[in-house]
N, C-alpha and C. Protein backbone atom coordinates (compact mmCIF):
# COMPACT_ATOMS: atom_id res chain seq x y z
N MET A 1 171.29 114.10 -55.20
CA MET A 1 170.03 114.77 -54.94
C MET A 1 168.99 114.25 -55.93
N ILE A 2 167.81 113.97 -55.39
CA ILE A 2 166.72 113.50 -56.25
C ILE A 2 165.92 114.73 -56.67
N PRO A 3 165.91 115.03 -57.98
CA PRO A 3 165.26 116.26 -58.44
C PRO A 3 163.75 116.25 -58.22
N ASN A 4 163.17 117.44 -58.14
CA ASN A 4 161.74 117.53 -57.87
C ASN A 4 160.89 117.10 -59.06
N SER A 5 161.50 116.79 -60.18
CA SER A 5 160.77 116.27 -61.34
C SER A 5 160.47 114.78 -61.23
N VAL A 6 161.12 114.08 -60.29
CA VAL A 6 160.91 112.64 -60.12
C VAL A 6 159.61 112.39 -59.35
N LEU A 7 158.72 111.60 -59.95
CA LEU A 7 157.43 111.29 -59.34
C LEU A 7 157.43 109.95 -58.60
N SER A 8 158.30 109.03 -59.04
CA SER A 8 158.28 107.69 -58.48
C SER A 8 159.69 107.09 -58.50
N ILE A 9 160.01 106.35 -57.46
CA ILE A 9 161.23 105.55 -57.43
C ILE A 9 160.75 104.10 -57.41
N ASP A 10 161.08 103.37 -58.45
CA ASP A 10 160.55 102.02 -58.62
C ASP A 10 161.18 101.01 -57.66
N GLU A 11 160.54 99.85 -57.60
CA GLU A 11 161.00 98.81 -56.71
C GLU A 11 162.44 98.41 -57.03
N TYR A 12 163.18 98.17 -55.98
CA TYR A 12 164.58 97.73 -56.02
C TYR A 12 165.54 98.74 -56.66
N ALA A 13 165.11 99.96 -56.90
CA ALA A 13 165.92 100.95 -57.63
C ALA A 13 167.33 101.10 -57.06
N PHE A 14 167.47 101.18 -55.75
CA PHE A 14 168.78 101.36 -55.12
C PHE A 14 169.08 100.26 -54.11
N SER A 15 168.31 99.20 -54.12
CA SER A 15 168.42 98.13 -53.14
C SER A 15 169.84 97.57 -53.05
N SER A 16 170.29 97.37 -51.83
CA SER A 16 171.60 96.76 -51.52
C SER A 16 172.79 97.58 -52.00
N ASN A 17 172.59 98.87 -52.24
CA ASN A 17 173.70 99.75 -52.60
C ASN A 17 174.39 100.18 -51.30
N LYS A 18 175.42 99.47 -50.92
CA LYS A 18 176.09 99.68 -49.64
C LYS A 18 176.85 101.01 -49.57
N LYS A 19 177.09 101.64 -50.71
CA LYS A 19 177.78 102.94 -50.70
C LYS A 19 176.81 104.11 -50.50
N LEU A 20 175.53 103.82 -50.58
CA LEU A 20 174.52 104.87 -50.45
C LEU A 20 174.22 105.13 -48.97
N ASN A 21 174.61 106.32 -48.48
CA ASN A 21 174.36 106.62 -47.07
C ASN A 21 173.53 107.89 -46.86
N ASN A 22 173.15 108.55 -47.95
CA ASN A 22 172.38 109.78 -47.81
C ASN A 22 171.48 109.96 -49.02
N ILE A 23 170.24 110.35 -48.76
CA ILE A 23 169.29 110.69 -49.83
C ILE A 23 168.78 112.08 -49.53
N ILE A 24 168.87 112.94 -50.51
CA ILE A 24 168.34 114.29 -50.36
C ILE A 24 167.35 114.53 -51.49
N PHE A 25 166.14 114.87 -51.10
CA PHE A 25 165.13 115.23 -52.09
C PHE A 25 165.19 116.74 -52.28
N GLU A 26 165.20 117.16 -53.53
CA GLU A 26 165.23 118.58 -53.84
C GLU A 26 164.02 119.27 -53.21
N SER A 27 164.19 120.52 -52.87
CA SER A 27 163.12 121.32 -52.30
C SER A 27 161.87 121.26 -53.18
N LYS A 28 160.72 121.21 -52.55
CA LYS A 28 159.43 121.11 -53.24
C LYS A 28 159.35 119.84 -54.09
N SER A 29 159.80 118.75 -53.50
CA SER A 29 159.78 117.45 -54.17
C SER A 29 158.39 117.10 -54.65
N SER A 30 158.33 116.39 -55.78
CA SER A 30 157.06 115.91 -56.35
C SER A 30 156.91 114.41 -56.19
N ILE A 31 157.83 113.77 -55.50
CA ILE A 31 157.81 112.32 -55.35
C ILE A 31 156.47 111.87 -54.74
N GLN A 32 155.85 110.88 -55.36
CA GLN A 32 154.57 110.38 -54.87
C GLN A 32 154.68 108.96 -54.35
N THR A 33 155.58 108.18 -54.92
CA THR A 33 155.70 106.77 -54.54
C THR A 33 157.17 106.38 -54.42
N ILE A 34 157.49 105.70 -53.33
CA ILE A 34 158.77 105.02 -53.20
C ILE A 34 158.42 103.54 -53.19
N GLY A 35 158.87 102.83 -54.21
CA GLY A 35 158.47 101.44 -54.43
C GLY A 35 159.04 100.45 -53.44
N ASP A 36 158.52 99.24 -53.52
CA ASP A 36 158.96 98.14 -52.66
C ASP A 36 160.47 97.93 -52.80
N TYR A 37 161.13 97.81 -51.67
CA TYR A 37 162.57 97.52 -51.60
C TYR A 37 163.46 98.59 -52.25
N ALA A 38 162.94 99.76 -52.53
CA ALA A 38 163.68 100.79 -53.27
C ALA A 38 165.04 101.11 -52.65
N PHE A 39 165.10 101.22 -51.31
CA PHE A 39 166.35 101.54 -50.62
C PHE A 39 166.68 100.48 -49.57
N ASN A 40 166.15 99.28 -49.74
CA ASN A 40 166.38 98.19 -48.80
C ASN A 40 167.86 97.83 -48.74
N SER A 41 168.36 97.62 -47.54
CA SER A 41 169.74 97.15 -47.31
C SER A 41 170.80 98.08 -47.87
N CYS A 42 170.58 99.37 -47.77
CA CYS A 42 171.63 100.34 -48.09
C CYS A 42 172.31 100.71 -46.77
N ASN A 43 173.06 101.78 -46.74
CA ASN A 43 173.71 102.24 -45.51
C ASN A 43 173.25 103.64 -45.15
N LEU A 44 171.95 103.89 -45.29
CA LEU A 44 171.41 105.22 -45.02
C LEU A 44 171.56 105.58 -43.55
N LEU A 45 171.82 106.86 -43.30
CA LEU A 45 171.97 107.36 -41.94
C LEU A 45 170.73 108.11 -41.47
N ASN A 46 170.16 108.93 -42.34
CA ASN A 46 168.99 109.76 -42.02
C ASN A 46 168.10 109.82 -43.24
N ILE A 47 166.81 110.04 -43.00
CA ILE A 47 165.90 110.24 -44.13
C ILE A 47 164.83 111.25 -43.73
N ILE A 48 164.62 112.21 -44.61
CA ILE A 48 163.51 113.15 -44.48
C ILE A 48 162.54 112.81 -45.60
N ILE A 49 161.35 112.38 -45.20
CA ILE A 49 160.33 111.96 -46.16
C ILE A 49 159.58 113.21 -46.64
N PRO A 50 159.66 113.50 -47.94
CA PRO A 50 158.99 114.71 -48.46
C PRO A 50 157.47 114.66 -48.27
N ASN A 51 156.87 115.84 -48.13
CA ASN A 51 155.43 115.89 -47.89
C ASN A 51 154.59 115.52 -49.10
N SER A 52 155.21 115.40 -50.26
CA SER A 52 154.48 115.00 -51.47
C SER A 52 154.28 113.48 -51.56
N LEU A 53 155.05 112.72 -50.78
CA LEU A 53 154.98 111.26 -50.84
C LEU A 53 153.61 110.77 -50.40
N GLN A 54 153.03 109.84 -51.18
CA GLN A 54 151.72 109.29 -50.86
C GLN A 54 151.80 107.83 -50.41
N ILE A 55 152.69 107.06 -51.04
CA ILE A 55 152.81 105.63 -50.72
C ILE A 55 154.28 105.28 -50.49
N LEU A 56 154.52 104.67 -49.33
CA LEU A 56 155.85 104.17 -49.00
C LEU A 56 155.80 102.66 -49.09
N GLY A 57 156.54 102.10 -50.02
CA GLY A 57 156.46 100.69 -50.37
C GLY A 57 156.98 99.72 -49.32
N LYS A 58 156.66 98.45 -49.55
CA LYS A 58 157.11 97.36 -48.69
C LYS A 58 158.64 97.34 -48.64
N ARG A 59 159.16 97.31 -47.43
CA ARG A 59 160.62 97.28 -47.17
C ARG A 59 161.37 98.40 -47.90
N ALA A 60 160.70 99.49 -48.15
CA ALA A 60 161.32 100.60 -48.88
C ALA A 60 162.64 101.02 -48.25
N PHE A 61 162.70 101.05 -46.91
CA PHE A 61 163.92 101.41 -46.20
C PHE A 61 164.35 100.29 -45.25
N GLY A 62 163.85 99.10 -45.44
CA GLY A 62 164.17 97.98 -44.56
C GLY A 62 165.65 97.66 -44.50
N SER A 63 166.07 97.18 -43.36
CA SER A 63 167.44 96.68 -43.13
C SER A 63 168.53 97.72 -43.39
N ASN A 64 168.20 98.98 -43.16
CA ASN A 64 169.23 100.03 -43.14
C ASN A 64 169.69 100.13 -41.69
N LYS A 65 170.63 99.31 -41.33
CA LYS A 65 171.02 99.14 -39.94
C LYS A 65 171.68 100.37 -39.33
N ASN A 66 172.14 101.31 -40.15
CA ASN A 66 172.75 102.54 -39.64
C ASN A 66 171.77 103.71 -39.59
N LEU A 67 170.57 103.49 -40.08
CA LEU A 67 169.57 104.56 -40.10
C LEU A 67 169.20 104.95 -38.67
N ASN A 68 169.39 106.23 -38.33
CA ASN A 68 169.08 106.62 -36.96
C ASN A 68 168.03 107.72 -36.84
N THR A 69 167.62 108.34 -37.96
CA THR A 69 166.61 109.39 -37.90
C THR A 69 165.67 109.29 -39.09
N ILE A 70 164.36 109.33 -38.78
CA ILE A 70 163.32 109.42 -39.80
C ILE A 70 162.47 110.64 -39.47
N ILE A 71 162.32 111.51 -40.45
CA ILE A 71 161.48 112.69 -40.26
C ILE A 71 160.49 112.77 -41.42
N PHE A 72 159.22 112.92 -41.09
CA PHE A 72 158.19 113.16 -42.10
C PHE A 72 157.95 114.66 -42.15
N GLU A 73 158.09 115.26 -43.34
CA GLU A 73 157.83 116.70 -43.47
C GLU A 73 156.39 117.03 -43.07
N THR A 74 156.18 118.25 -42.64
CA THR A 74 154.84 118.69 -42.27
C THR A 74 153.96 118.79 -43.50
N ASN A 75 152.66 118.83 -43.28
CA ASN A 75 151.66 118.88 -44.36
C ASN A 75 151.80 117.71 -45.32
N SER A 76 152.01 116.55 -44.76
CA SER A 76 152.26 115.34 -45.54
C SER A 76 151.03 114.87 -46.31
N SER A 77 151.29 114.26 -47.47
CA SER A 77 150.26 113.61 -48.29
C SER A 77 150.30 112.09 -48.12
N LEU A 78 151.22 111.61 -47.30
CA LEU A 78 151.40 110.17 -47.12
C LEU A 78 150.14 109.54 -46.55
N HIS A 79 149.65 108.50 -47.23
CA HIS A 79 148.46 107.81 -46.71
C HIS A 79 148.72 106.33 -46.43
N THR A 80 149.79 105.75 -46.99
CA THR A 80 150.04 104.33 -46.77
C THR A 80 151.53 104.07 -46.50
N ILE A 81 151.77 103.38 -45.39
CA ILE A 81 153.11 102.85 -45.08
C ILE A 81 152.96 101.34 -45.17
N LYS A 82 153.56 100.76 -46.19
CA LYS A 82 153.38 99.32 -46.43
C LYS A 82 154.21 98.48 -45.46
N SER A 83 153.93 97.19 -45.49
CA SER A 83 154.54 96.27 -44.54
C SER A 83 156.07 96.32 -44.60
N GLU A 84 156.64 96.23 -43.41
CA GLU A 84 158.09 96.12 -43.24
C GLU A 84 158.86 97.32 -43.80
N ALA A 85 158.20 98.46 -43.95
CA ALA A 85 158.84 99.64 -44.55
C ALA A 85 160.17 99.99 -43.89
N PHE A 86 160.24 99.83 -42.56
CA PHE A 86 161.46 100.16 -41.82
C PHE A 86 161.96 98.98 -40.99
N ILE A 87 161.57 97.78 -41.36
CA ILE A 87 161.96 96.60 -40.59
C ILE A 87 163.48 96.48 -40.47
N ASN A 88 163.93 96.08 -39.31
CA ASN A 88 165.36 95.85 -39.03
C ASN A 88 166.22 97.10 -39.12
N CYS A 89 165.62 98.26 -38.96
CA CYS A 89 166.40 99.51 -38.85
C CYS A 89 166.66 99.71 -37.36
N ILE A 90 167.62 98.97 -36.87
CA ILE A 90 167.82 98.80 -35.43
C ILE A 90 168.38 100.03 -34.71
N ASN A 91 168.87 101.00 -35.44
CA ASN A 91 169.48 102.17 -34.80
C ASN A 91 168.63 103.43 -34.82
N ILE A 92 167.38 103.32 -35.22
CA ILE A 92 166.53 104.52 -35.22
C ILE A 92 166.36 104.98 -33.78
N GLN A 93 166.74 106.22 -33.51
CA GLN A 93 166.76 106.75 -32.15
C GLN A 93 165.66 107.76 -31.87
N ASN A 94 165.19 108.45 -32.89
CA ASN A 94 164.24 109.53 -32.64
C ASN A 94 162.82 109.03 -32.44
N ASP A 95 162.01 109.85 -31.76
CA ASP A 95 160.57 109.59 -31.70
C ASP A 95 160.02 109.83 -33.10
N ILE A 96 158.96 109.13 -33.44
CA ILE A 96 158.38 109.25 -34.78
C ILE A 96 157.02 109.92 -34.69
N ILE A 97 156.85 110.95 -35.49
CA ILE A 97 155.56 111.62 -35.61
C ILE A 97 154.94 111.15 -36.91
N ILE A 98 153.91 110.31 -36.78
CA ILE A 98 153.21 109.79 -37.95
C ILE A 98 152.27 110.89 -38.46
N PRO A 99 152.38 111.25 -39.73
CA PRO A 99 151.52 112.33 -40.25
C PRO A 99 150.03 112.00 -40.12
N GLU A 100 149.26 113.02 -39.91
CA GLU A 100 147.80 112.90 -39.80
C GLU A 100 147.19 112.26 -41.04
N SER A 101 147.83 112.47 -42.17
CA SER A 101 147.31 111.96 -43.44
C SER A 101 147.38 110.44 -43.57
N VAL A 102 148.20 109.80 -42.74
CA VAL A 102 148.38 108.34 -42.85
C VAL A 102 147.12 107.62 -42.39
N LYS A 103 146.60 106.78 -43.27
CA LYS A 103 145.39 106.01 -42.99
C LYS A 103 145.69 104.53 -42.80
N ILE A 104 146.80 104.05 -43.39
CA ILE A 104 147.13 102.63 -43.33
C ILE A 104 148.60 102.46 -42.96
N ILE A 105 148.84 101.69 -41.91
CA ILE A 105 150.20 101.24 -41.57
C ILE A 105 150.11 99.72 -41.56
N GLU A 106 150.78 99.09 -42.52
CA GLU A 106 150.67 97.64 -42.66
C GLU A 106 151.57 96.91 -41.66
N SER A 107 151.42 95.61 -41.63
CA SER A 107 152.10 94.75 -40.65
C SER A 107 153.62 94.91 -40.69
N TYR A 108 154.18 94.89 -39.51
CA TYR A 108 155.64 94.91 -39.29
C TYR A 108 156.34 96.14 -39.87
N ALA A 109 155.62 97.21 -40.09
CA ALA A 109 156.20 98.41 -40.70
C ALA A 109 157.42 98.91 -39.93
N PHE A 110 157.39 98.81 -38.60
CA PHE A 110 158.49 99.31 -37.78
C PHE A 110 159.08 98.20 -36.89
N LYS A 111 158.99 96.96 -37.34
CA LYS A 111 159.49 95.83 -36.56
C LYS A 111 161.01 95.89 -36.44
N ASN A 112 161.50 95.48 -35.27
CA ASN A 112 162.94 95.44 -34.98
C ASN A 112 163.62 96.79 -35.14
N THR A 113 162.95 97.82 -34.63
CA THR A 113 163.57 99.14 -34.51
C THR A 113 163.67 99.44 -33.01
N ASN A 114 164.34 100.51 -32.67
CA ASN A 114 164.43 100.92 -31.27
C ASN A 114 163.64 102.19 -31.00
N ILE A 115 162.62 102.41 -31.78
CA ILE A 115 161.78 103.59 -31.60
C ILE A 115 161.00 103.41 -30.30
N LYS A 116 161.09 104.41 -29.45
CA LYS A 116 160.43 104.32 -28.15
C LYS A 116 159.03 104.93 -28.16
N THR A 117 158.83 105.98 -28.97
CA THR A 117 157.54 106.67 -28.95
C THR A 117 157.09 107.01 -30.36
N PHE A 118 155.82 106.73 -30.60
CA PHE A 118 155.16 107.15 -31.83
C PHE A 118 154.08 108.16 -31.47
N TYR A 119 154.00 109.23 -32.24
CA TYR A 119 152.96 110.22 -32.04
C TYR A 119 152.06 110.22 -33.26
N PHE A 120 150.75 110.27 -33.03
CA PHE A 120 149.78 110.28 -34.12
C PHE A 120 148.97 111.56 -34.06
């Protein structure tokens, strides 16, 4: 569990950790930034993005081939989804509701996923 005292997860922090299949943010998370490649090439199954997050880094969750659900919490502060954030997450099955707060979605953010519908 990532405690609510954590404000940032730096680039490459958990990258390529094949044993990592679940991330849980403590209730009332204070996380503001998930850095570039932070969870790239892990074995994540699901992710709930806390509403405190403001910036989702480049390839932050890229190449998590088992990832099948992404949920953004309501009342989100997220304003930027950087390039390739979810690239090659080929098993994402759910529709994605992009938070109203998002102002920038960079190139290839959702490339090579099986997401059928995005809601804005």
